[in-house]
Each structure stands twice: as structure tokens, then as C-alpha cells.
Amino acid sequence: MASYWIWWIAEANAKAIRQVAEAISSPGGMNAVNLKVAEQYVAAFANLAKTGNTLIVPSNLADLGTLVTAATTMFKAQGG
């Protein structure tokens, strides 16, 4: 029975990945990826700031555009 659930979860993940790939390939898809990366970047630093009293950040933290461009470049290099 456990193997059925593992298979079911794997199939659901595969379907979700195919849907995301299709969405990224559609018009405006890459813009959506850029927005999501930027949102997650900001949220990650917001969470870091909540968890401790010492925070080490990149020198270009304020340059969100550079981060999004770098992430997009890596994504495209991987065949995205």
C-alpha cells in the first residue's frame, strides 16, 4: 500500500512540474518567474531578520534587479 502512495505522489509531482514548465514557456511566463524569485528573495531575508539579532547580507542586497537577472540567466542556462 505504501508503494501506491509513493507512486501517486510521484505522478502528482511530475504533473505539477509539466504544468509549471508549460506556464513558463507561455507568453509572460518568464516575467512570472522573475516576480516569484523576487518575492521569495525578499521573504527569505525578512525571515532571517526575525530569527536572530545578527544578520549577514550580500553587499548588493538592495539590487534586487541584479539578483533576478542572475537567477533568470541560470534558469535559461539550465534549458529553461
N, C-alpha and C. Protein backbone atom coordinates (compact mmCIF):
# COMPACT_ATOMS: atom_id res chain seq x y z
N MET A 1 0.81 -1.20 0.00
CA MET A 1 0.00 0.00 0.00
C MET A 1 0.86 1.27 0.00
N ALA A 2 1.97 1.22 0.75
CA ALA A 2 2.85 2.39 0.80
C ALA A 2 3.42 2.70 -0.58
N SER A 3 3.73 1.66 -1.35
CA SER A 3 4.30 1.90 -2.68
C SER A 3 3.29 2.60 -3.58
N TYR A 4 2.01 2.33 -3.39
CA TYR A 4 0.98 3.01 -4.17
C TYR A 4 1.01 4.51 -3.89
N TRP A 5 1.11 4.88 -2.63
CA TRP A 5 1.12 6.30 -2.28
C TRP A 5 2.38 6.99 -2.79
N ILE A 6 3.49 6.30 -2.74
CA ILE A 6 4.72 6.86 -3.28
C ILE A 6 4.56 7.11 -4.78
N TRP A 7 4.00 6.14 -5.48
CA TRP A 7 3.75 6.29 -6.92
C TRP A 7 2.79 7.44 -7.17
N TRP A 8 1.72 7.52 -6.39
CA TRP A 8 0.71 8.57 -6.56
C TRP A 8 1.32 9.96 -6.36
N ILE A 9 2.13 10.12 -5.34
CA ILE A 9 2.79 11.40 -5.08
C ILE A 9 3.77 11.73 -6.20
N ALA A 10 4.52 10.75 -6.68
CA ALA A 10 5.46 10.97 -7.77
C ALA A 10 4.73 11.41 -9.03
N GLU A 11 3.62 10.78 -9.33
CA GLU A 11 2.82 11.17 -10.50
C GLU A 11 2.29 12.59 -10.37
N ALA A 12 1.81 12.93 -9.19
CA ALA A 12 1.29 14.29 -8.95
C ALA A 12 2.40 15.32 -9.10
N ASN A 13 3.59 15.02 -8.59
CA ASN A 13 4.73 15.93 -8.73
C ASN A 13 5.13 16.09 -10.19
N ALA A 14 5.15 14.99 -10.92
CA ALA A 14 5.51 15.05 -12.34
C ALA A 14 4.51 15.90 -13.11
N LYS A 15 3.24 15.73 -12.82
CA LYS A 15 2.20 16.54 -13.49
C LYS A 15 2.38 18.01 -13.16
N ALA A 16 2.65 18.32 -11.90
CA ALA A 16 2.84 19.71 -11.49
C ALA A 16 4.05 20.33 -12.19
N ILE A 17 5.12 19.58 -12.30
CA ILE A 17 6.33 20.08 -12.97
C ILE A 17 6.05 20.35 -14.45
N ARG A 18 5.31 19.45 -15.10
CA ARG A 18 4.95 19.68 -16.52
C ARG A 18 4.10 20.94 -16.67
N GLN A 19 3.18 21.16 -15.75
CA GLN A 19 2.32 22.35 -15.81
C GLN A 19 3.13 23.63 -15.60
N VAL A 20 4.07 23.60 -14.68
CA VAL A 20 4.92 24.77 -14.45
C VAL A 20 5.78 25.04 -15.68
N ALA A 21 6.35 24.01 -16.27
CA ALA A 21 7.17 24.18 -17.47
C ALA A 21 6.35 24.79 -18.60
N GLU A 22 5.12 24.32 -18.76
CA GLU A 22 4.25 24.86 -19.80
C GLU A 22 3.92 26.32 -19.53
N ALA A 23 3.65 26.65 -18.28
CA ALA A 23 3.32 28.03 -17.92
C ALA A 23 4.50 28.96 -18.16
N ILE A 24 5.70 28.50 -17.83
CA ILE A 24 6.90 29.32 -18.04
C ILE A 24 7.13 29.57 -19.53
N SER A 25 6.81 28.59 -20.35
CA SER A 25 7.01 28.72 -21.79
C SER A 25 5.97 29.61 -22.45
N SER A 26 4.89 29.88 -21.77
CA SER A 26 3.83 30.70 -22.37
C SER A 26 4.21 32.18 -22.29
N PRO A 27 3.53 33.03 -23.07
CA PRO A 27 3.82 34.47 -23.02
C PRO A 27 3.68 35.01 -21.60
N GLY A 28 4.67 35.75 -21.15
CA GLY A 28 4.66 36.33 -19.81
C GLY A 28 5.14 35.37 -18.73
N GLY A 29 5.43 34.15 -19.12
CA GLY A 29 5.85 33.14 -18.14
C GLY A 29 7.15 33.49 -17.44
N MET A 30 8.12 33.98 -18.19
CA MET A 30 9.40 34.33 -17.58
C MET A 30 9.24 35.53 -16.64
N ASN A 31 8.35 36.45 -16.98
CA ASN A 31 8.09 37.57 -16.07
C ASN A 31 7.51 37.07 -14.75
N ALA A 32 6.66 36.07 -14.82
CA ALA A 32 6.09 35.48 -13.61
C ALA A 32 7.18 34.81 -12.78
N VAL A 33 8.12 34.14 -13.44
CA VAL A 33 9.24 33.52 -12.72
C VAL A 33 10.06 34.59 -12.02
N ASN A 34 10.36 35.67 -12.73
CA ASN A 34 11.13 36.76 -12.14
C ASN A 34 10.44 37.33 -10.91
N LEU A 35 9.14 37.52 -10.99
CA LEU A 35 8.39 38.05 -9.87
C LEU A 35 8.44 37.09 -8.68
N LYS A 36 8.26 35.81 -8.94
CA LYS A 36 8.28 34.81 -7.86
C LYS A 36 9.64 34.74 -7.20
N VAL A 37 10.72 34.80 -7.99
CA VAL A 37 12.07 34.79 -7.42
C VAL A 37 12.26 36.02 -6.53
N ALA A 38 11.83 37.17 -7.00
CA ALA A 38 11.98 38.40 -6.22
C ALA A 38 11.18 38.31 -4.92
N GLU A 39 9.96 37.79 -4.97
CA GLU A 39 9.13 37.65 -3.77
C GLU A 39 9.80 36.72 -2.76
N GLN A 40 10.32 35.60 -3.24
CA GLN A 40 10.95 34.64 -2.33
C GLN A 40 12.25 35.19 -1.74
N TYR A 41 12.97 35.98 -2.50
CA TYR A 41 14.21 36.60 -2.03
C TYR A 41 13.91 37.54 -0.87
N VAL A 42 12.91 38.40 -1.07
CA VAL A 42 12.54 39.36 -0.03
C VAL A 42 12.01 38.62 1.20
N ALA A 43 11.18 37.61 1.00
CA ALA A 43 10.63 36.86 2.12
C ALA A 43 11.72 36.14 2.91
N ALA A 44 12.71 35.59 2.20
CA ALA A 44 13.79 34.88 2.88
C ALA A 44 14.57 35.82 3.79
N PHE A 45 14.86 37.01 3.33
CA PHE A 45 15.59 37.96 4.17
C PHE A 45 14.71 38.49 5.30
N ALA A 46 13.42 38.62 5.07
CA ALA A 46 12.51 39.03 6.14
C ALA A 46 12.50 37.97 7.24
N ASN A 47 12.49 36.70 6.86
CA ASN A 47 12.51 35.62 7.85
C ASN A 47 13.84 35.57 8.60
N LEU A 48 14.93 35.81 7.90
CA LEU A 48 16.23 35.83 8.56
C LEU A 48 16.29 36.94 9.60
N ALA A 49 15.73 38.07 9.28
CA ALA A 49 15.76 39.20 10.19
C ALA A 49 14.94 38.91 11.46
N LYS A 50 13.95 38.05 11.37
CA LYS A 50 13.11 37.72 12.52
C LYS A 50 13.76 36.71 13.45
N THR A 51 14.67 35.89 12.95
CA THR A 51 15.14 34.75 13.72
C THR A 51 16.36 35.02 14.58
N GLY A 52 17.02 36.10 14.43
CA GLY A 52 18.22 36.34 15.22
C GLY A 52 18.54 37.81 15.33
N ASN A 53 19.60 38.10 16.03
CA ASN A 53 19.98 39.50 16.17
C ASN A 53 21.21 39.84 15.34
N THR A 54 21.75 38.86 14.62
CA THR A 54 22.90 39.10 13.74
C THR A 54 22.51 38.66 12.34
N LEU A 55 22.74 39.52 11.39
CA LEU A 55 22.36 39.22 10.02
C LEU A 55 23.48 39.63 9.08
N ILE A 56 23.97 38.70 8.30
CA ILE A 56 24.98 38.98 7.28
C ILE A 56 24.27 38.95 5.94
N VAL A 57 24.39 40.03 5.19
CA VAL A 57 23.69 40.12 3.91
C VAL A 57 24.68 40.43 2.80
N PRO A 58 24.33 40.09 1.58
CA PRO A 58 25.21 40.44 0.46
C PRO A 58 25.34 41.95 0.33
N SER A 59 26.45 42.39 -0.19
CA SER A 59 26.68 43.83 -0.31
C SER A 59 25.70 44.49 -1.26
N ASN A 60 25.15 43.72 -2.20
CA ASN A 60 24.22 44.29 -3.18
C ASN A 60 22.77 43.89 -2.87
N LEU A 61 22.43 43.73 -1.59
CA LEU A 61 21.10 43.31 -1.20
C LEU A 61 20.02 44.20 -1.79
N ALA A 62 20.29 45.49 -1.88
CA ALA A 62 19.29 46.42 -2.39
C ALA A 62 19.09 46.27 -3.89
N ASP A 63 20.01 45.62 -4.57
CA ASP A 63 19.94 45.49 -6.03
C ASP A 63 19.18 44.22 -6.39
N LEU A 64 17.89 44.23 -6.17
CA LEU A 64 17.05 43.07 -6.44
C LEU A 64 17.03 42.74 -7.93
N GLY A 65 17.13 43.75 -8.77
CA GLY A 65 17.14 43.52 -10.21
C GLY A 65 18.29 42.64 -10.65
N THR A 66 19.46 42.86 -10.05
CA THR A 66 20.63 42.05 -10.39
C THR A 66 20.41 40.60 -9.98
N LEU A 67 19.82 40.39 -8.81
CA LEU A 67 19.55 39.03 -8.37
C LEU A 67 18.58 38.33 -9.32
N VAL A 68 17.52 39.01 -9.69
CA VAL A 68 16.53 38.40 -10.58
C VAL A 68 17.16 38.10 -11.93
N THR A 69 17.98 39.01 -12.43
CA THR A 69 18.67 38.78 -13.70
C THR A 69 19.61 37.57 -13.60
N ALA A 70 20.33 37.47 -12.51
CA ALA A 70 21.25 36.34 -12.31
C ALA A 70 20.45 35.03 -12.24
N ALA A 71 19.36 35.04 -11.51
CA ALA A 71 18.54 33.82 -11.40
C ALA A 71 17.96 33.43 -12.75
N THR A 72 17.50 34.42 -13.50
CA THR A 72 16.95 34.15 -14.83
C THR A 72 18.01 33.59 -15.77
N THR A 73 19.22 34.15 -15.69
CA THR A 73 20.32 33.68 -16.52
C THR A 73 20.64 32.22 -16.19
N MET A 74 20.68 31.88 -14.90
CA MET A 74 20.96 30.50 -14.50
C MET A 74 19.84 29.57 -14.97
N PHE A 75 18.61 30.04 -14.85
CA PHE A 75 17.47 29.25 -15.28
C PHE A 75 17.53 28.95 -16.78
N LYS A 76 17.83 29.97 -17.56
CA LYS A 76 17.94 29.79 -19.01
C LYS A 76 19.11 28.88 -19.37
N ALA A 77 20.20 28.99 -18.62
CA ALA A 77 21.37 28.15 -18.91
C ALA A 77 21.08 26.67 -18.66
N GLN A 78 20.13 26.40 -17.79
CA GLN A 78 19.75 25.03 -17.48
C GLN A 78 18.74 24.49 -18.49
N GLY A 79 18.40 25.30 -19.48
CA GLY A 79 17.47 24.85 -20.51
C GLY A 79 16.05 25.32 -20.29
N GLY A 80 15.86 26.28 -19.39
CA GLY A 80 14.52 26.77 -19.06
C GLY A 80 13.96 27.71 -20.07
